[in-house]
Amino acid sequence: MLVQLPEEQTQEIQQMIATLIKSEIHHFKEDIGADSTFLNKKTDLQLPRYL
């Protein structure tokens, strides 16, 4: 089944998905303690690539 949406709705859905992903990444970083503003480059590079 193919559903076609107007461009405006497609963009809105894309924005909602992007916001959700950013929020989930932020929460994941908080959970592992990686949300510190004091992280240096070396520590930052050791995080999993998908962050």
PDB file of N, CA and C in Angstrom:
ATOM      1  N   MET A   1       0.850  -1.178   0.000  1.00  0.00           N
ATOM      2  CA  MET A   1       0.000   0.000   0.000  1.00  0.00           C
ATOM      3  C   MET A   1       0.893   1.237   0.000  1.00  0.00           C
ATOM      4  N   LEU A   2       0.595   2.181  -0.811  1.00  0.00           N
ATOM      5  CA  LEU A   2       1.362   3.411  -0.935  1.00  0.00           C
ATOM      6  C   LEU A   2       0.518   4.566  -0.420  1.00  0.00           C
ATOM      7  N   VAL A   3       1.087   5.321   0.501  1.00  0.00           N
ATOM      8  CA  VAL A   3       0.399   6.496   1.038  1.00  0.00           C
ATOM      9  C   VAL A   3       1.177   7.722   0.597  1.00  0.00           C
ATOM     10  N   GLN A   4       0.505   8.645  -0.017  1.00  0.00           N
ATOM     11  CA  GLN A   4       1.150   9.880  -0.453  1.00  0.00           C
ATOM     12  C   GLN A   4       0.656  11.016   0.427  1.00  0.00           C
ATOM     13  N   LEU A   5       1.612  11.770   0.944  1.00  0.00           N
ATOM     14  CA  LEU A   5       1.288  12.894   1.812  1.00  0.00           C
ATOM     15  C   LEU A   5       1.733  14.192   1.152  1.00  0.00           C
ATOM     16  N   PRO A   6       1.055  15.273   1.479  1.00  0.00           N
ATOM     17  CA  PRO A   6       1.521  16.569   0.977  1.00  0.00           C
ATOM     18  C   PRO A   6       2.927  16.867   1.524  1.00  0.00           C
ATOM     19  N   GLU A   7       3.695  17.641   0.780  1.00  0.00           N
ATOM     20  CA  GLU A   7       5.076  17.982   1.170  1.00  0.00           C
ATOM     21  C   GLU A   7       5.126  18.587   2.575  1.00  0.00           C
ATOM     22  N   GLU A   8       4.159  19.411   2.903  1.00  0.00           N
ATOM     23  CA  GLU A   8       4.128  20.053   4.233  1.00  0.00           C
ATOM     24  C   GLU A   8       4.052  19.007   5.349  1.00  0.00           C
ATOM     25  N   GLN A   9       3.220  18.004   5.177  1.00  0.00           N
ATOM     26  CA  GLN A   9       3.100  16.951   6.187  1.00  0.00           C
ATOM     27  C   GLN A   9       4.366  16.103   6.259  1.00  0.00           C
ATOM     28  N   THR A  10       4.967  15.843   5.116  1.00  0.00           N
ATOM     29  CA  THR A  10       6.213  15.076   5.085  1.00  0.00           C
ATOM     30  C   THR A  10       7.304  15.813   5.852  1.00  0.00           C
ATOM     31  N   GLN A  11       7.422  17.114   5.632  1.00  0.00           N
ATOM     32  CA  GLN A  11       8.425  17.911   6.337  1.00  0.00           C
ATOM     33  C   GLN A  11       8.146  17.946   7.840  1.00  0.00           C
ATOM     34  N   GLU A  12       6.886  18.046   8.205  1.00  0.00           N
ATOM     35  CA  GLU A  12       6.518  18.065   9.621  1.00  0.00           C
ATOM     36  C   GLU A  12       6.887  16.735  10.292  1.00  0.00           C
ATOM     37  N   ILE A  13       6.615  15.638   9.617  1.00  0.00           N
ATOM     38  CA  ILE A  13       6.956  14.312  10.158  1.00  0.00           C
ATOM     39  C   ILE A  13       8.472  14.170  10.276  1.00  0.00           C
ATOM     40  N   GLN A  14       9.213  14.634   9.269  1.00  0.00           N
ATOM     41  CA  GLN A  14      10.676  14.573   9.326  1.00  0.00           C
ATOM     42  C   GLN A  14      11.201  15.371  10.519  1.00  0.00           C
ATOM     43  N   GLN A  15      10.628  16.540  10.762  1.00  0.00           N
ATOM     44  CA  GLN A  15      11.050  17.373  11.888  1.00  0.00           C
ATOM     45  C   GLN A  15      10.744  16.683  13.214  1.00  0.00           C
ATOM     46  N   MET A  16       9.594  16.048  13.310  1.00  0.00           N
ATOM     47  CA  MET A  16       9.225  15.335  14.537  1.00  0.00           C
ATOM     48  C   MET A  16      10.185  14.176  14.804  1.00  0.00           C
ATOM     49  N   ILE A  17      10.541  13.449  13.752  1.00  0.00           N
ATOM     50  CA  ILE A  17      11.476  12.329  13.897  1.00  0.00           C
ATOM     51  C   ILE A  17      12.851  12.845  14.318  1.00  0.00           C
ATOM     52  N   ALA A  18      13.313  13.932  13.707  1.00  0.00           N
ATOM     53  CA  ALA A  18      14.612  14.508  14.060  1.00  0.00           C
ATOM     54  C   ALA A  18      14.630  14.950  15.519  1.00  0.00           C
ATOM     55  N   THR A  19      13.557  15.574  15.972  1.00  0.00           N
ATOM     56  CA  THR A  19      13.460  16.013  17.365  1.00  0.00           C
ATOM     57  C   THR A  19      13.474  14.818  18.309  1.00  0.00           C
ATOM     58  N   LEU A  20      12.754  13.776  17.957  1.00  0.00           N
ATOM     59  CA  LEU A  20      12.723  12.565  18.780  1.00  0.00           C
ATOM     60  C   LEU A  20      14.109  11.934  18.875  1.00  0.00           C
ATOM     61  N   ILE A  21      14.799  11.833  17.749  1.00  0.00           N
ATOM     62  CA  ILE A  21      16.135  11.234  17.747  1.00  0.00           C
ATOM     63  C   ILE A  21      17.091  12.062  18.602  1.00  0.00           C
ATOM     64  N   LYS A  22      17.066  13.384  18.454  1.00  0.00           N
ATOM     65  CA  LYS A  22      17.935  14.249  19.257  1.00  0.00           C
ATOM     66  C   LYS A  22      17.643  14.084  20.741  1.00  0.00           C
ATOM     67  N   SER A  23      16.374  13.997  21.083  1.00  0.00           N
ATOM     68  CA  SER A  23      15.981  13.816  22.480  1.00  0.00           C
ATOM     69  C   SER A  23      16.474  12.485  23.027  1.00  0.00           C
ATOM     70  N   GLU A  24      16.334  11.430  22.256  1.00  0.00           N
ATOM     71  CA  GLU A  24      16.783  10.109  22.694  1.00  0.00           C
ATOM     72  C   GLU A  24      18.304  10.061  22.854  1.00  0.00           C
ATOM     73  N   ILE A  25      19.030  10.700  21.949  1.00  0.00           N
ATOM     74  CA  ILE A  25      20.488  10.759  22.067  1.00  0.00           C
ATOM     75  C   ILE A  25      20.876  11.514  23.330  1.00  0.00           C
ATOM     76  N   HIS A  26      20.204  12.625  23.583  1.00  0.00           N
ATOM     77  CA  HIS A  26      20.483  13.409  24.794  1.00  0.00           C
ATOM     78  C   HIS A  26      20.242  12.577  26.051  1.00  0.00           C
ATOM     79  N   HIS A  27      19.124  11.864  26.100  1.00  0.00           N
ATOM     80  CA  HIS A  27      18.820  11.033  27.267  1.00  0.00           C
ATOM     81  C   HIS A  27      19.820   9.891  27.415  1.00  0.00           C
ATOM     82  N   PHE A  28      20.226   9.305  26.302  1.00  0.00           N
ATOM     83  CA  PHE A  28      21.221   8.230  26.346  1.00  0.00           C
ATOM     84  C   PHE A  28      22.541   8.755  26.893  1.00  0.00           C
ATOM     85  N   LYS A  29      22.954   9.924  26.413  1.00  0.00           N
ATOM     86  CA  LYS A  29      24.197  10.521  26.901  1.00  0.00           C
ATOM     87  C   LYS A  29      24.101  10.831  28.394  1.00  0.00           C
ATOM     88  N   GLU A  30      22.953  11.309  28.838  1.00  0.00           N
ATOM     89  CA  GLU A  30      22.754  11.558  30.271  1.00  0.00           C
ATOM     90  C   GLU A  30      22.896  10.266  31.058  1.00  0.00           C
ATOM     91  N   ASP A  31      22.301   9.206  30.553  1.00  0.00           N
ATOM     92  CA  ASP A  31      22.334   7.914  31.251  1.00  0.00           C
ATOM     93  C   ASP A  31      23.750   7.368  31.412  1.00  0.00           C
ATOM     94  N   ILE A  32      24.607   7.610  30.424  1.00  0.00           N
ATOM     95  CA  ILE A  32      25.976   7.094  30.524  1.00  0.00           C
ATOM     96  C   ILE A  32      26.941   8.148  31.053  1.00  0.00           C
ATOM     97  N   GLY A  33      26.418   9.315  31.414  1.00  0.00           N
ATOM     98  CA  GLY A  33      27.257  10.367  31.972  1.00  0.00           C
ATOM     99  C   GLY A  33      28.085  11.097  30.941  1.00  0.00           C
ATOM    100  N   ALA A  34      27.675  11.056  29.708  1.00  0.00           N
ATOM    101  CA  ALA A  34      28.447  11.683  28.631  1.00  0.00           C
ATOM    102  C   ALA A  34      27.929  13.069  28.274  1.00  0.00           C
ATOM    103  N   ASP A  35      27.039  13.622  29.067  1.00  0.00           N
ATOM    104  CA  ASP A  35      26.479  14.927  28.744  1.00  0.00           C
ATOM    105  C   ASP A  35      27.262  16.070  29.378  1.00  0.00           C
ATOM    106  N   SER A  36      28.362  15.758  30.025  1.00  0.00           N
ATOM    107  CA  SER A  36      29.167  16.770  30.694  1.00  0.00           C
ATOM    108  C   SER A  36      29.783  17.725  29.680  1.00  0.00           C
ATOM    109  N   THR A  37      29.749  19.018  29.996  1.00  0.00           N
ATOM    110  CA  THR A  37      30.379  20.013  29.130  1.00  0.00           C
ATOM    111  C   THR A  37      31.887  19.998  29.305  1.00  0.00           C
ATOM    112  N   PHE A  38      32.382  19.208  30.259  1.00  0.00           N
ATOM    113  CA  PHE A  38      33.810  19.148  30.540  1.00  0.00           C
ATOM    114  C   PHE A  38      34.514  18.007  29.811  1.00  0.00           C
ATOM    115  N   LEU A  39      33.807  17.314  28.950  1.00  0.00           N
ATOM    116  CA  LEU A  39      34.444  16.232  28.197  1.00  0.00           C
ATOM    117  C   LEU A  39      35.506  16.808  27.271  1.00  0.00           C
ATOM    118  N   ASN A  40      36.632  16.145  27.212  1.00  0.00           N
ATOM    119  CA  ASN A  40      37.652  16.585  26.267  1.00  0.00           C
ATOM    120  C   ASN A  40      37.504  15.790  24.972  1.00  0.00           C
ATOM    121  N   LYS A  41      38.272  16.168  23.978  1.00  0.00           N
ATOM    122  CA  LYS A  41      38.162  15.505  22.676  1.00  0.00           C
ATOM    123  C   LYS A  41      38.433  14.007  22.777  1.00  0.00           C
ATOM    124  N   LYS A  42      39.453  13.631  23.552  1.00  0.00           N
ATOM    125  CA  LYS A  42      39.809  12.221  23.656  1.00  0.00           C
ATOM    126  C   LYS A  42      38.637  11.414  24.212  1.00  0.00           C
ATOM    127  N   THR A  43      37.998  11.912  25.274  1.00  0.00           N
ATOM    128  CA  THR A  43      36.854  11.220  25.865  1.00  0.00           C
ATOM    129  C   THR A  43      35.696  11.196  24.874  1.00  0.00           C
ATOM    130  N   ASP A  44      35.470  12.325  24.214  1.00  0.00           N
ATOM    131  CA  ASP A  44      34.371  12.439  23.268  1.00  0.00           C
ATOM    132  C   ASP A  44      34.533  11.440  22.125  1.00  0.00           C
ATOM    133  N   LEU A  45      35.754  11.235  21.667  1.00  0.00           N
ATOM    134  CA  LEU A  45      35.985  10.315  20.559  1.00  0.00           C
ATOM    135  C   LEU A  45      35.826   8.853  20.960  1.00  0.00           C
ATOM    136  N   GLN A  46      35.821   8.563  22.257  1.00  0.00           N
ATOM    137  CA  GLN A  46      35.687   7.193  22.709  1.00  0.00           C
ATOM    138  C   GLN A  46      34.228   6.757  22.795  1.00  0.00           C
ATOM    139  N   LEU A  47      33.297   7.686  22.610  1.00  0.00           N
ATOM    140  CA  LEU A  47      31.882   7.338  22.645  1.00  0.00           C
ATOM    141  C   LEU A  47      31.535   6.528  21.401  1.00  0.00           C
ATOM    142  N   PRO A  48      30.507   5.693  21.496  1.00  0.00           N
ATOM    143  CA  PRO A  48      30.099   4.922  20.312  1.00  0.00           C
ATOM    144  C   PRO A  48      29.816   5.843  19.130  1.00  0.00           C
ATOM    145  N   ARG A  49      30.113   5.384  17.934  1.00  0.00           N
ATOM    146  CA  ARG A  49      29.980   6.199  16.725  1.00  0.00           C
ATOM    147  C   ARG A  49      28.562   6.713  16.479  1.00  0.00           C
ATOM    148  N   TYR A  50      27.541   5.977  16.921  1.00  0.00           N
ATOM    149  CA  TYR A  50      26.174   6.384  16.608  1.00  0.00           C
ATOM    150  C   TYR A  50      25.709   7.545  17.449  1.00  0.00           C
ATOM    151  N   LEU A  51      26.506   8.036  18.363  1.00  0.00           N
ATOM    152  CA  LEU A  51      26.149   9.225  19.129  1.00  0.00           C
ATOM    153  C   LEU A  51      26.574  10.425  18.334  1.00  0.00           C
TER     154      LEU A  51
END
